[in-house]
Every structure is written in structure tokens, then in C-alpha cells.
Protein backbone atom coordinates (compact mmCIF):
# COMPACT_ATOMS: atom_id res chain seq x y z
CA MET A 1 0.00 0.00 0.00
CA LEU A 2 1.41 3.35 -1.02
CA VAL A 3 0.92 6.14 1.49
CA GLN A 4 1.31 9.60 0.12
CA ARG A 5 2.98 12.02 2.47
CA VAL A 6 1.83 15.56 2.49
CA SER A 7 4.75 17.89 2.84
CA ARG A 8 3.82 20.76 5.09
CA ASN A 9 5.60 23.95 4.28
CA PRO A 10 5.84 26.03 7.49
CA VAL A 11 6.02 29.26 5.48
CA THR A 12 2.76 28.42 3.71
CA ASP A 13 1.12 27.57 7.03
CA VAL A 14 2.23 30.84 8.59
CA SER A 15 1.10 32.77 5.50
CA ARG A 16 -2.35 31.20 5.78
CA TYR A 17 -2.68 32.20 9.44
CA LEU A 18 -1.41 35.70 8.75
CA ARG A 19 -3.93 36.08 5.92
CA ASP A 20 -6.73 34.96 8.24
CA VAL A 21 -5.64 37.50 10.84
CA ALA A 22 -5.25 40.29 8.25
CA ILE A 23 -8.86 39.84 7.16
CA ASN A 24 -9.93 41.27 10.53
CA VAL A 25 -7.97 44.51 10.18
CA PRO A 26 -10.49 46.51 8.06
CA ARG A 27 -13.31 45.31 10.31
CA LEU A 28 -11.32 46.33 13.37
CA ARG A 29 -10.77 49.81 11.91
CA HIS A 30 -14.51 50.12 11.22
CA LEU A 31 -15.41 49.02 14.75
CA LEU A 32 -13.03 51.47 16.38
CA TRP A 33 -14.17 54.37 14.15
CA GLY A 34 -17.76 53.61 15.14
CA GLY A 35 -16.99 53.45 18.84
CA TYR A 36 -17.64 49.71 19.13
CA VAL A 37 -14.75 49.10 21.51
CA ARG A 38 -16.12 45.87 23.02
CA GLU A 39 -16.64 44.39 19.58
CA ALA A 40 -13.18 45.55 18.51
CA SER A 41 -11.73 43.90 21.59
CA GLU A 42 -13.53 40.68 20.66
CA ALA A 43 -12.16 40.89 17.10
CA VAL A 44 -8.63 41.27 18.48
CA LYS A 45 -9.27 38.30 20.76
CA GLN A 46 -10.28 36.27 17.68
CA MET A 47 -7.11 37.37 15.88
CA LEU A 48 -5.02 36.10 18.79
CA ALA A 49 -6.98 32.85 18.85
CA GLN A 50 -6.27 32.34 15.14
CA LEU A 51 -2.57 32.91 15.74
CA ASP A 52 -2.63 30.53 18.71
CA GLN A 53 -3.96 27.76 16.46
CA HIS A 54 -0.63 27.67 14.66
CA PRO A 55 1.71 25.29 16.47
CA GLY A 56 4.69 27.11 17.93
CA PHE A 57 3.40 30.56 16.97
CA ARG A 58 3.86 32.00 20.46
CA ASP A 59 7.43 30.76 20.48
CA ALA A 60 8.23 32.07 17.01
CA LEU A 61 11.05 34.52 16.64
CA GLY A 62 11.32 37.80 14.83
CA LYS A 63 8.51 39.60 13.09
CA ILE A 64 5.91 36.92 13.71
CA ARG A 65 6.46 37.01 17.46
CA ARG A 66 6.38 40.81 17.35
CA LEU A 67 3.04 40.72 15.51
CA TYR A 68 1.57 38.53 18.24
CA GLU A 69 2.88 40.87 20.95
CA LEU A 70 1.48 43.96 19.19
CA ILE A 71 -1.96 42.42 18.76
CA SER A 72 -1.91 41.33 22.40
CA ASN A 73 -0.91 44.85 23.48
CA LEU A 74 -3.75 46.32 21.40
CA ARG A 75 -6.25 44.07 23.17
CA THR A 76 -4.90 45.15 26.57
CA TYR A 77 -5.12 48.81 25.51
CA LEU A 78 -8.70 48.42 24.35
CA LEU A 79 -9.76 46.69 27.55
CA GLN A 80 -8.08 49.25 29.81
CA ASN A 81 -9.20 52.35 27.89
CA GLU A 82 -12.67 51.39 26.70
CA ALA A 83 -14.33 54.36 28.41
CA PHE A 84 -11.90 56.87 26.89
CA ILE A 85 -11.82 55.81 23.23
CA VAL A 86 -13.54 58.41 21.06
CA ASN A 87 -16.50 57.46 18.84
CA TYR A 88 -15.39 59.32 15.70
CA CYS A 89 -18.44 58.24 13.74
CA ARG A 90 -20.75 59.92 16.25
CA ARG A 91 -18.58 63.05 16.24
CA TYR A 92 -18.60 63.13 12.44
CA TRP A 93 -22.39 62.81 12.15
CA SER A 94 -22.89 65.36 14.94
CA GLY A 95 -20.86 67.89 12.97
CA LEU A 96 -18.11 68.00 15.59
CA PRO A 97 -14.51 68.43 14.44
CA ILE A 98 -12.23 65.46 14.16
CA LEU A 99 -8.76 66.77 14.86
CA THR A 100 -5.32 65.28 14.69
CA GLY A 101 -2.94 65.78 17.59
CA ARG A 102 -1.19 68.69 15.89
CA LEU A 103 -4.43 70.52 15.07
CA ALA A 104 -5.81 69.96 18.55
CA ALA A 105 -2.64 71.50 20.00
CA GLY A 106 -3.20 74.66 17.97
CA GLY A 107 -0.82 73.74 15.18
CA ARG A 108 2.19 73.83 17.47
CA CYS A 109 4.72 71.04 16.99
């Protein structure tokens, strides 16, 4: 009986997981713009869960490990600052200004 071995390419596996995580980025941006911080936090949690499904992902070195740390830090930030994150969509539709840091500081650098 001939058994066919499937060669698993670790780069392909990682690329697949990264693609799955990247799909959430536009949704995450939309949620944060609309002030849906809890939902954004849940989306980040799902991103981390997808990364955790890859064997050895937490122990990976370099850029992949850094990506995991940054996503984890974003989740912590969202959880700790939920009450202070601005709902830009509401401000926009209310006719309130949406300013960058430089404009809010009076144009001073």
C-alpha cells in the first residue's frame, strides 16, 4: 500500500494564518471608528486565537512574534481604555470636528 505524504511547508502555514488575521484589520478599523470598543476587543481576541492555532506561533522569533505581541498589546489597551476611546463616527455625524494631535494642539509642533 502506497501512502502519500503531504509535505507541510511552514512558510505556507504561517502565511495562511497571517492572511486569516489580516482579514480582521479593516473590520477592526470600522469598529473602532464607530466606537464599538467591546466588539473591537472581541475581534482582536479572535485574531489572537487564530494565531494561537498555529503550532509554535507563540514561540516564534522575529517579526511573527512581534506581531503577536502587538496584537496582544492592542487588546490590553482596548480593555483598559474602553471608556476613553472616542467614537469618531458619532462626532462626524454630529458635525463636531475630528482633529489630529497637531491641530488639537493649535498647530504647534
